[in-house]
PDB file of all heavy atoms in Angstrom:
ATOM      1  N   GLU A   1       6.336  -0.282   0.825  1.00  0.00           N
ATOM      2  CA  GLU A   1       5.540   0.386  -0.205  1.00  0.00           C
ATOM      3  C   GLU A   1       5.767   1.886  -0.034  1.00  0.00           C
ATOM      4  O   GLU A   1       5.606   2.433   1.058  1.00  0.00           O
ATOM      5  CB  GLU A   1       4.067   0.046  -0.053  1.00  0.00           C
ATOM      6  CG  GLU A   1       3.170   0.594  -1.144  1.00  0.00           C
ATOM      7  CD  GLU A   1       3.215  -0.232  -2.422  1.00  0.00           C
ATOM      8  OE1 GLU A   1       3.732  -1.375  -2.375  1.00  0.00           O
ATOM      9  OE2 GLU A   1       2.727   0.251  -3.465  1.00  0.00           O
ATOM     10  N   MET A   2       6.172   2.596  -1.124  1.00  0.00           N
ATOM     11  CA  MET A   2       6.433   4.026  -1.056  1.00  0.00           C
ATOM     12  C   MET A   2       5.332   4.790  -1.785  1.00  0.00           C
ATOM     13  O   MET A   2       4.993   4.459  -2.928  1.00  0.00           O
ATOM     14  CB  MET A   2       7.793   4.367  -1.680  1.00  0.00           C
ATOM     15  CG  MET A   2       8.987   4.043  -0.797  1.00  0.00           C
ATOM     16  SD  MET A   2       9.334   2.275  -0.732  1.00  0.00           S
ATOM     17  CE  MET A   2      10.909   2.249   0.125  1.00  0.00           C
ATOM     18  N   LYS A   3       4.778   5.799  -1.099  1.00  0.00           N
ATOM     19  CA  LYS A   3       3.734   6.615  -1.709  1.00  0.00           C
ATOM     20  C   LYS A   3       4.021   8.088  -1.414  1.00  0.00           C
ATOM     21  O   LYS A   3       4.155   8.489  -0.259  1.00  0.00           O
ATOM     22  CB  LYS A   3       2.351   6.249  -1.159  1.00  0.00           C
ATOM     23  CG  LYS A   3       1.874   4.854  -1.529  1.00  0.00           C
ATOM     24  CD  LYS A   3       1.694   4.728  -3.040  1.00  0.00           C
ATOM     25  CE  LYS A   3       1.307   3.301  -3.423  1.00  0.00           C
ATOM     26  NZ  LYS A   3       1.221   3.139  -4.889  1.00  0.00           N
ATOM     27  N   ASN A   4       4.116   8.895  -2.497  1.00  0.00           N
ATOM     28  CA  ASN A   4       4.236  10.341  -2.316  1.00  0.00           C
ATOM     29  C   ASN A   4       3.011  11.028  -2.892  1.00  0.00           C
ATOM     30  O   ASN A   4       2.086  10.378  -3.392  1.00  0.00           O
ATOM     31  CB  ASN A   4       5.534  10.861  -2.939  1.00  0.00           C
ATOM     32  CG  ASN A   4       5.630  10.510  -4.422  1.00  0.00           C
ATOM     33  OD1 ASN A   4       4.617  10.371  -5.107  1.00  0.00           O
ATOM     34  ND2 ASN A   4       6.844  10.356  -4.930  1.00  0.00           N
ATOM     35  N   GLU A   5       2.998  12.325  -2.802  1.00  0.00           N
ATOM     36  CA  GLU A   5       1.807  13.066  -3.222  1.00  0.00           C
ATOM     37  C   GLU A   5       1.539  12.908  -4.703  1.00  0.00           C
ATOM     38  O   GLU A   5       0.406  13.051  -5.162  1.00  0.00           O
ATOM     39  CB  GLU A   5       1.969  14.539  -2.852  1.00  0.00           C
ATOM     40  CG  GLU A   5       2.017  14.761  -1.345  1.00  0.00           C
ATOM     41  CD  GLU A   5       2.244  16.215  -0.989  1.00  0.00           C
ATOM     42  OE1 GLU A   5       2.540  16.989  -1.906  1.00  0.00           O
ATOM     43  OE2 GLU A   5       2.141  16.559   0.202  1.00  0.00           O
ATOM     44  N   GLY A   6       2.558  12.584  -5.498  1.00  0.00           N
ATOM     45  CA  GLY A   6       2.342  12.386  -6.927  1.00  0.00           C
ATOM     46  C   GLY A   6       1.651  11.073  -7.231  1.00  0.00           C
ATOM     47  O   GLY A   6       1.199  10.859  -8.350  1.00  0.00           O
ATOM     48  N   ASP A   7       1.538  10.162  -6.231  1.00  0.00           N
ATOM     49  CA  ASP A   7       0.899   8.863  -6.446  1.00  0.00           C
ATOM     50  C   ASP A   7      -0.590   8.903  -6.169  1.00  0.00           C
ATOM     51  O   ASP A   7      -1.266   7.883  -6.253  1.00  0.00           O
ATOM     52  CB  ASP A   7       1.546   7.808  -5.549  1.00  0.00           C
ATOM     53  CG  ASP A   7       2.993   7.582  -5.940  1.00  0.00           C
ATOM     54  OD1 ASP A   7       3.302   7.711  -7.128  1.00  0.00           O
ATOM     55  OD2 ASP A   7       3.798   7.292  -5.039  1.00  0.00           O
ATOM     56  N   GLU A   8      -1.122  10.054  -5.775  1.00  0.00           N
ATOM     57  CA  GLU A   8      -2.547  10.144  -5.468  1.00  0.00           C
ATOM     58  C   GLU A   8      -3.385   9.898  -6.719  1.00  0.00           C
ATOM     59  O   GLU A   8      -3.009  10.268  -7.829  1.00  0.00           O
ATOM     60  CB  GLU A   8      -2.883  11.511  -4.889  1.00  0.00           C
ATOM     61  CG  GLU A   8      -2.269  11.775  -3.521  1.00  0.00           C
ATOM     62  CD  GLU A   8      -2.677  13.134  -2.996  1.00  0.00           C
ATOM     63  OE1 GLU A   8      -3.482  13.791  -3.669  1.00  0.00           O
ATOM     64  OE2 GLU A   8      -2.184  13.534  -1.921  1.00  0.00           O
ATOM     65  N   THR A   9      -4.523   9.253  -6.509  1.00  0.00           N
ATOM     66  CA  THR A   9      -5.489   9.050  -7.593  1.00  0.00           C
ATOM     67  C   THR A   9      -6.825   9.614  -7.153  1.00  0.00           C
ATOM     68  O   THR A   9      -6.971  10.136  -6.048  1.00  0.00           O
ATOM     69  CB  THR A   9      -5.632   7.550  -7.907  1.00  0.00           C
ATOM     70  OG1 THR A   9      -6.169   6.895  -6.763  1.00  0.00           O
ATOM     71  CG2 THR A   9      -4.292   6.928  -8.271  1.00  0.00           C
ATOM     72  N   ALA A  10      -7.805   9.456  -7.994  1.00  0.00           N
ATOM     73  CA  ALA A  10      -9.128  10.002  -7.673  1.00  0.00           C
ATOM     74  C   ALA A  10      -9.765   9.265  -6.509  1.00  0.00           C
ATOM     75  O   ALA A  10     -10.589   9.810  -5.785  1.00  0.00           O
ATOM     76  CB  ALA A  10     -10.032   9.931  -8.904  1.00  0.00           C
ATOM     77  N   THR A  11      -9.384   7.971  -6.325  1.00  0.00           N
ATOM     78  CA  THR A  11     -10.026   7.165  -5.292  1.00  0.00           C
ATOM     79  C   THR A  11      -9.092   6.846  -4.129  1.00  0.00           C
ATOM     80  O   THR A  11      -9.543   6.369  -3.105  1.00  0.00           O
ATOM     81  CB  THR A  11     -10.524   5.845  -5.897  1.00  0.00           C
ATOM     82  OG1 THR A  11      -9.425   5.152  -6.501  1.00  0.00           O
ATOM     83  CG2 THR A  11     -11.581   6.105  -6.958  1.00  0.00           C
ATOM     84  N   LYS A  12      -7.793   7.071  -4.294  1.00  0.00           N
ATOM     85  CA  LYS A  12      -6.837   6.732  -3.242  1.00  0.00           C
ATOM     86  C   LYS A  12      -5.986   7.951  -2.905  1.00  0.00           C
ATOM     87  O   LYS A  12      -5.017   8.255  -3.599  1.00  0.00           O
ATOM     88  CB  LYS A  12      -5.944   5.567  -3.673  1.00  0.00           C
ATOM     89  CG  LYS A  12      -6.685   4.251  -3.845  1.00  0.00           C
ATOM     90  CD  LYS A  12      -5.731   3.125  -4.196  1.00  0.00           C
ATOM     91  CE  LYS A  12      -6.465   1.804  -4.321  1.00  0.00           C
ATOM     92  NZ  LYS A  12      -5.558   0.687  -4.646  1.00  0.00           N
ATOM     93  N   LYS A  13      -6.407   8.623  -1.845  1.00  0.00           N
ATOM     94  CA  LYS A  13      -5.692   9.815  -1.413  1.00  0.00           C
ATOM     95  C   LYS A  13      -5.252   9.720   0.042  1.00  0.00           C
ATOM     96  O   LYS A  13      -4.665  10.663   0.554  1.00  0.00           O
ATOM     97  CB  LYS A  13      -6.569  11.053  -1.595  1.00  0.00           C
ATOM     98  CG  LYS A  13      -6.924  11.338  -3.047  1.00  0.00           C
ATOM     99  CD  LYS A  13      -7.710  12.628  -3.180  1.00  0.00           C
ATOM    100  CE  LYS A  13      -8.035  12.935  -4.639  1.00  0.00           C
ATOM    101  NZ  LYS A  13      -8.777  14.195  -4.793  1.00  0.00           N
ATOM    102  N   LYS A  14      -5.552   8.595   0.687  1.00  0.00           N
ATOM    103  CA  LYS A  14      -5.207   8.429   2.094  1.00  0.00           C
ATOM    104  C   LYS A  14      -4.332   7.202   2.279  1.00  0.00           C
ATOM    105  O   LYS A  14      -4.336   6.284   1.463  1.00  0.00           O
ATOM    106  CB  LYS A  14      -6.463   8.296   2.948  1.00  0.00           C
ATOM    107  CG  LYS A  14      -7.340   9.547   2.959  1.00  0.00           C
ATOM    108  CD  LYS A  14      -8.522   9.367   3.897  1.00  0.00           C
ATOM    109  CE  LYS A  14      -9.361  10.634   3.953  1.00  0.00           C
ATOM    110  NZ  LYS A  14     -10.513  10.492   4.881  1.00  0.00           N
ATOM    111  N   ASN A  15      -3.598   7.203   3.384  1.00  0.00           N
ATOM    112  CA  ASN A  15      -2.708   6.077   3.666  1.00  0.00           C
ATOM    113  C   ASN A  15      -3.477   4.769   3.852  1.00  0.00           C
ATOM    114  O   ASN A  15      -3.019   3.695   3.454  1.00  0.00           O
ATOM    115  CB  ASN A  15      -1.887   6.371   4.930  1.00  0.00           C
ATOM    116  CG  ASN A  15      -0.892   7.499   4.702  1.00  0.00           C
ATOM    117  OD1 ASN A  15      -0.194   7.534   3.701  1.00  0.00           O
ATOM    118  ND2 ASN A  15      -0.826   8.429   5.655  1.00  0.00           N
ATOM    119  N   ASP A  16      -4.672   4.854   4.484  1.00  0.00           N
ATOM    120  CA  ASP A  16      -5.462   3.643   4.720  1.00  0.00           C
ATOM    121  C   ASP A  16      -5.854   2.942   3.426  1.00  0.00           C
ATOM    122  O   ASP A  16      -6.109   1.732   3.433  1.00  0.00           O
ATOM    123  CB  ASP A  16      -6.727   3.985   5.508  1.00  0.00           C
ATOM    124  CG  ASP A  16      -6.416   4.332   6.957  1.00  0.00           C
ATOM    125  OD1 ASP A  16      -5.273   4.080   7.381  1.00  0.00           O
ATOM    126  OD2 ASP A  16      -7.310   4.834   7.655  1.00  0.00           O
ATOM    127  N   ASP A  17      -5.892   3.689   2.312  1.00  0.00           N
ATOM    128  CA  ASP A  17      -6.309   3.094   1.045  1.00  0.00           C
ATOM    129  C   ASP A  17      -5.294   2.088   0.509  1.00  0.00           C
ATOM    130  O   ASP A  17      -5.630   1.277  -0.370  1.00  0.00           O
ATOM    131  CB  ASP A  17      -6.537   4.194  -0.001  1.00  0.00           C
ATOM    132  CG  ASP A  17      -7.648   5.143   0.404  1.00  0.00           C
ATOM    133  OD1 ASP A  17      -8.550   4.691   1.136  1.00  0.00           O
ATOM    134  OD2 ASP A  17      -7.617   6.311   0.006  1.00  0.00           O
ATOM    135  N   PHE A  18      -4.057   2.128   1.015  1.00  0.00           N
ATOM    136  CA  PHE A  18      -3.009   1.263   0.472  1.00  0.00           C
ATOM    137  C   PHE A  18      -2.627   0.119   1.419  1.00  0.00           C
ATOM    138  O   PHE A  18      -1.763  -0.690   1.077  1.00  0.00           O
ATOM    139  CB  PHE A  18      -1.751   2.104   0.188  1.00  0.00           C
ATOM    140  CG  PHE A  18      -1.975   3.189  -0.831  1.00  0.00           C
ATOM    141  CD1 PHE A  18      -2.323   4.463  -0.419  1.00  0.00           C
ATOM    142  CD2 PHE A  18      -1.859   2.933  -2.182  1.00  0.00           C
ATOM    143  CE1 PHE A  18      -2.531   5.475  -1.343  1.00  0.00           C
ATOM    144  CE2 PHE A  18      -2.066   3.939  -3.114  1.00  0.00           C
ATOM    145  CZ  PHE A  18      -2.415   5.217  -2.703  1.00  0.00           C
ATOM    146  N   LEU A  19      -3.259   0.052   2.591  1.00  0.00           N
ATOM    147  CA  LEU A  19      -2.844  -0.946   3.584  1.00  0.00           C
ATOM    148  C   LEU A  19      -3.222  -2.365   3.162  1.00  0.00           C
ATOM    149  O   LEU A  19      -2.450  -3.316   3.371  1.00  0.00           O
ATOM    150  CB  LEU A  19      -3.459  -0.621   4.944  1.00  0.00           C
ATOM    151  CG  LEU A  19      -3.054   0.732   5.545  1.00  0.00           C
ATOM    152  CD1 LEU A  19      -3.677   0.907   6.920  1.00  0.00           C
ATOM    153  CD2 LEU A  19      -1.540   0.866   5.622  1.00  0.00           C
ATOM    154  N   ASP A  20      -4.413  -2.543   2.576  1.00  0.00           N
ATOM    155  CA  ASP A  20      -4.841  -3.892   2.183  1.00  0.00           C
ATOM    156  C   ASP A  20      -3.923  -4.479   1.116  1.00  0.00           C
ATOM    157  O   ASP A  20      -3.533  -5.654   1.174  1.00  0.00           O
ATOM    158  CB  ASP A  20      -6.286  -3.852   1.682  1.00  0.00           C
ATOM    159  CG  ASP A  20      -7.268  -3.540   2.800  1.00  0.00           C
ATOM    160  OD1 ASP A  20      -6.901  -3.741   3.978  1.00  0.00           O
ATOM    161  OD2 ASP A  20      -8.393  -3.087   2.504  1.00  0.00           O
ATOM    162  N   LYS A  21      -3.564  -3.638   0.115  1.00  0.00           N
ATOM    163  CA  LYS A  21      -2.665  -4.127  -0.946  1.00  0.00           C
ATOM    164  C   LYS A  21      -1.287  -4.448  -0.376  1.00  0.00           C
ATOM    165  O   LYS A  21      -0.664  -5.452  -0.756  1.00  0.00           O
ATOM    166  CB  LYS A  21      -2.538  -3.076  -2.038  1.00  0.00           C
ATOM    167  CG  LYS A  21      -1.570  -3.487  -3.154  1.00  0.00           C
ATOM    168  CD  LYS A  21      -1.399  -2.401  -4.172  1.00  0.00           C
ATOM    169  CE  LYS A  21      -0.396  -2.818  -5.256  1.00  0.00           C
ATOM    170  NZ  LYS A  21       0.937  -3.097  -4.716  1.00  0.00           N
ATOM    171  N   LEU A  22      -0.812  -3.610   0.540  1.00  0.00           N
ATOM    172  CA  LEU A  22       0.492  -3.860   1.151  1.00  0.00           C
ATOM    173  C   LEU A  22       0.490  -5.189   1.906  1.00  0.00           C
ATOM    174  O   LEU A  22       1.446  -5.959   1.830  1.00  0.00           O
ATOM    175  CB  LEU A  22       0.837  -2.704   2.095  1.00  0.00           C
ATOM    176  CG  LEU A  22       2.148  -2.849   2.889  1.00  0.00           C
ATOM    177  CD1 LEU A  22       3.328  -3.022   1.951  1.00  0.00           C
ATOM    178  CD2 LEU A  22       2.352  -1.634   3.790  1.00  0.00           C
ATOM    179  N   HIS A  23      -0.600  -5.461   2.602  1.00  0.00           N
ATOM    180  CA  HIS A  23      -0.699  -6.738   3.329  1.00  0.00           C
ATOM    181  C   HIS A  23      -0.707  -7.914   2.356  1.00  0.00           C
ATOM    182  O   HIS A  23      -0.067  -8.944   2.600  1.00  0.00           O
ATOM    183  CB  HIS A  23      -1.968  -6.737   4.184  1.00  0.00           C
ATOM    184  CG  HIS A  23      -2.196  -8.018   4.918  1.00  0.00           C
ATOM    185  ND1 HIS A  23      -1.341  -8.489   5.893  1.00  0.00           N
ATOM    186  CD2 HIS A  23      -3.195  -8.950   4.802  1.00  0.00           C
ATOM    187  CE1 HIS A  23      -1.794  -9.645   6.358  1.00  0.00           C
ATOM    188  NE2 HIS A  23      -2.908  -9.944   5.714  1.00  0.00           N
ATOM    189  N   LYS A  24      -1.423  -7.752   1.250  1.00  0.00           N
ATOM    190  CA  LYS A  24      -1.468  -8.813   0.241  1.00  0.00           C
ATOM    191  C   LYS A  24      -0.080  -9.050  -0.356  1.00  0.00           C
ATOM    192  O   LYS A  24       0.332 -10.206  -0.542  1.00  0.00           O
ATOM    193  CB  LYS A  24      -2.470  -8.424  -0.846  1.00  0.00           C
ATOM    194  CG  LYS A  24      -2.651  -9.485  -1.918  1.00  0.00           C
ATOM    195  CD  LYS A  24      -3.695  -9.044  -2.935  1.00  0.00           C
ATOM    196  CE  LYS A  24      -3.869 -10.094  -4.029  1.00  0.00           C
ATOM    197  NZ  LYS A  24      -4.860  -9.644  -5.053  1.00  0.00           N
ATOM    198  N   ASP A  25       0.644  -7.977  -0.671  1.00  0.00           N
ATOM    199  CA  ASP A  25       1.996  -8.113  -1.210  1.00  0.00           C
ATOM    200  C   ASP A  25       2.917  -8.781  -0.193  1.00  0.00           C
ATOM    201  O   ASP A  25       3.749  -9.623  -0.551  1.00  0.00           O
ATOM    202  CB  ASP A  25       2.554  -6.730  -1.581  1.00  0.00           C
ATOM    203  CG  ASP A  25       1.770  -6.091  -2.727  1.00  0.00           C
ATOM    204  OD1 ASP A  25       1.102  -6.838  -3.456  1.00  0.00           O
ATOM    205  OD2 ASP A  25       1.824  -4.855  -2.868  1.00  0.00           O
ATOM    206  N   ARG A  26       2.789  -8.404   1.063  1.00  0.00           N
ATOM    207  CA  ARG A  26       3.632  -8.979   2.110  1.00  0.00           C
ATOM    208  C   ARG A  26       3.411 -10.486   2.222  1.00  0.00           C
ATOM    209  O   ARG A  26       4.340 -11.267   2.340  1.00  0.00           O
ATOM    210  CB  ARG A  26       3.323  -8.269   3.429  1.00  0.00           C
ATOM    211  CG  ARG A  26       4.121  -8.774   4.647  1.00  0.00           C
ATOM    212  CD  ARG A  26       3.270  -9.643   5.572  1.00  0.00           C
ATOM    213  NE  ARG A  26       2.133  -8.926   6.061  1.00  0.00           N
ATOM    214  CZ  ARG A  26       2.110  -8.226   7.195  1.00  0.00           C
ATOM    215  NH1 ARG A  26       3.188  -8.148   7.938  1.00  0.00           N
ATOM    216  NH2 ARG A  26       0.991  -7.628   7.577  1.00  0.00           N
ATOM    217  N   GLU A  27       2.137 -10.927   2.183  1.00  0.00           N
ATOM    218  CA  GLU A  27       1.845 -12.359   2.282  1.00  0.00           C
ATOM    219  C   GLU A  27       2.324 -13.106   1.041  1.00  0.00           C
ATOM    220  O   GLU A  27       2.810 -14.238   1.140  1.00  0.00           O
ATOM    221  CB  GLU A  27       0.349 -12.560   2.485  1.00  0.00           C
ATOM    222  CG  GLU A  27      -0.146 -12.169   3.875  1.00  0.00           C
ATOM    223  CD  GLU A  27      -1.579 -12.596   4.109  1.00  0.00           C
ATOM    224  OE1 GLU A  27      -2.329 -12.674   3.112  1.00  0.00           O
ATOM    225  OE2 GLU A  27      -1.958 -12.849   5.266  1.00  0.00           O
ATOM    226  N   ALA A  28       2.198 -12.489  -0.132  1.00  0.00           N
ATOM    227  CA  ALA A  28       2.608 -13.150  -1.372  1.00  0.00           C
ATOM    228  C   ALA A  28       4.112 -13.400  -1.400  1.00  0.00           C
ATOM    229  O   ALA A  28       4.571 -14.420  -1.937  1.00  0.00           O
ATOM    230  CB  ALA A  28       2.189 -12.302  -2.582  1.00  0.00           C
ATOM    231  N   LYS A  29       4.899 -12.491  -0.804  1.00  0.00           N
ATOM    232  CA  LYS A  29       6.361 -12.630  -0.833  1.00  0.00           C
ATOM    233  C   LYS A  29       6.917 -13.182   0.485  1.00  0.00           C
ATOM    234  O   LYS A  29       8.139 -13.265   0.645  1.00  0.00           O
ATOM    235  CB  LYS A  29       6.995 -11.269  -1.143  1.00  0.00           C
ATOM    236  CG  LYS A  29       6.518 -10.684  -2.462  1.00  0.00           C
ATOM    237  CD  LYS A  29       6.753 -11.622  -3.633  1.00  0.00           C
ATOM    238  CE  LYS A  29       5.992 -11.223  -4.887  1.00  0.00           C
ATOM    239  NZ  LYS A  29       6.304  -9.920  -5.402  1.00  0.00           N
ATOM    240  N   GLY A  30       6.027 -13.556   1.399  1.00  0.00           N
ATOM    241  CA  GLY A  30       6.471 -14.191   2.636  1.00  0.00           C
ATOM    242  C   GLY A  30       7.291 -13.296   3.546  1.00  0.00           C
ATOM    243  O   GLY A  30       8.266 -13.753   4.148  1.00  0.00           O
ATOM    244  N   CYS A  31       6.922 -12.035   3.671  1.00  0.00           N
ATOM    245  CA  CYS A  31       7.645 -11.102   4.537  1.00  0.00           C
ATOM    246  C   CYS A  31       6.958 -11.006   5.899  1.00  0.00           C
ATOM    247  O   CYS A  31       5.732 -11.065   5.996  1.00  0.00           O
ATOM    248  CB  CYS A  31       7.724  -9.715   3.899  1.00  0.00           C
ATOM    249  SG  CYS A  31       8.712  -9.682   2.381  1.00  0.00           S
ATOM    250  N   GLU A  32       7.770 -10.809   6.927  1.00  0.00           N
ATOM    251  CA  GLU A  32       7.239 -10.749   8.292  1.00  0.00           C
ATOM    252  C   GLU A  32       6.572  -9.407   8.572  1.00  0.00           C
ATOM    253  O   GLU A  32       5.485  -9.358   9.141  1.00  0.00           O
ATOM    254  CB  GLU A  32       8.367 -10.992   9.293  1.00  0.00           C
ATOM    255  CG  GLU A  32       7.911 -10.984  10.747  1.00  0.00           C
ATOM    256  CD  GLU A  32       9.049 -11.244  11.716  1.00  0.00           C
ATOM    257  OE1 GLU A  32      10.212 -11.373  11.242  1.00  0.00           O
ATOM    258  OE2 GLU A  32       8.796 -11.312  12.939  1.00  0.00           O
ATOM    259  N   TYR A  33       7.223  -8.302   8.176  1.00  0.00           N
ATOM    260  CA  TYR A  33       6.701  -6.959   8.439  1.00  0.00           C
ATOM    261  C   TYR A  33       6.270  -6.299   7.137  1.00  0.00           C
ATOM    262  O   TYR A  33       6.709  -6.667   6.038  1.00  0.00           O
ATOM    263  CB  TYR A  33       7.761  -6.085   9.118  1.00  0.00           C
ATOM    264  CG  TYR A  33       8.110  -6.523  10.518  1.00  0.00           C
ATOM    265  CD1 TYR A  33       9.177  -7.395  10.754  1.00  0.00           C
ATOM    266  CD2 TYR A  33       7.380  -6.066  11.612  1.00  0.00           C
ATOM    267  CE1 TYR A  33       9.499  -7.805  12.044  1.00  0.00           C
ATOM    268  CE2 TYR A  33       7.697  -6.464  12.904  1.00  0.00           C
ATOM    269  CZ  TYR A  33       8.758  -7.333  13.112  1.00  0.00           C
ATOM    270  OH  TYR A  33       9.070  -7.726  14.375  1.00  0.00           O
ATOM    271  N   ALA A  34       5.390  -5.291   7.287  1.00  0.00           N
ATOM    272  CA  ALA A  34       4.949  -4.487   6.144  1.00  0.00           C
ATOM    273  C   ALA A  34       4.981  -3.024   6.566  1.00  0.00           C
ATOM    274  O   ALA A  34       4.426  -2.665   7.618  1.00  0.00           O
ATOM    275  CB  ALA A  34       3.551  -4.885   5.703  1.00  0.00           C
TER     276      ALA A  34
END
């Protein structure tokens, strides 16, 4: 998952805000690492 400063939103400005979605995407596509 790639995030730069242009991807910031009003509610997601920190790296921790994207970890849950990344984990969900990883499980959906059967990947070992995220």
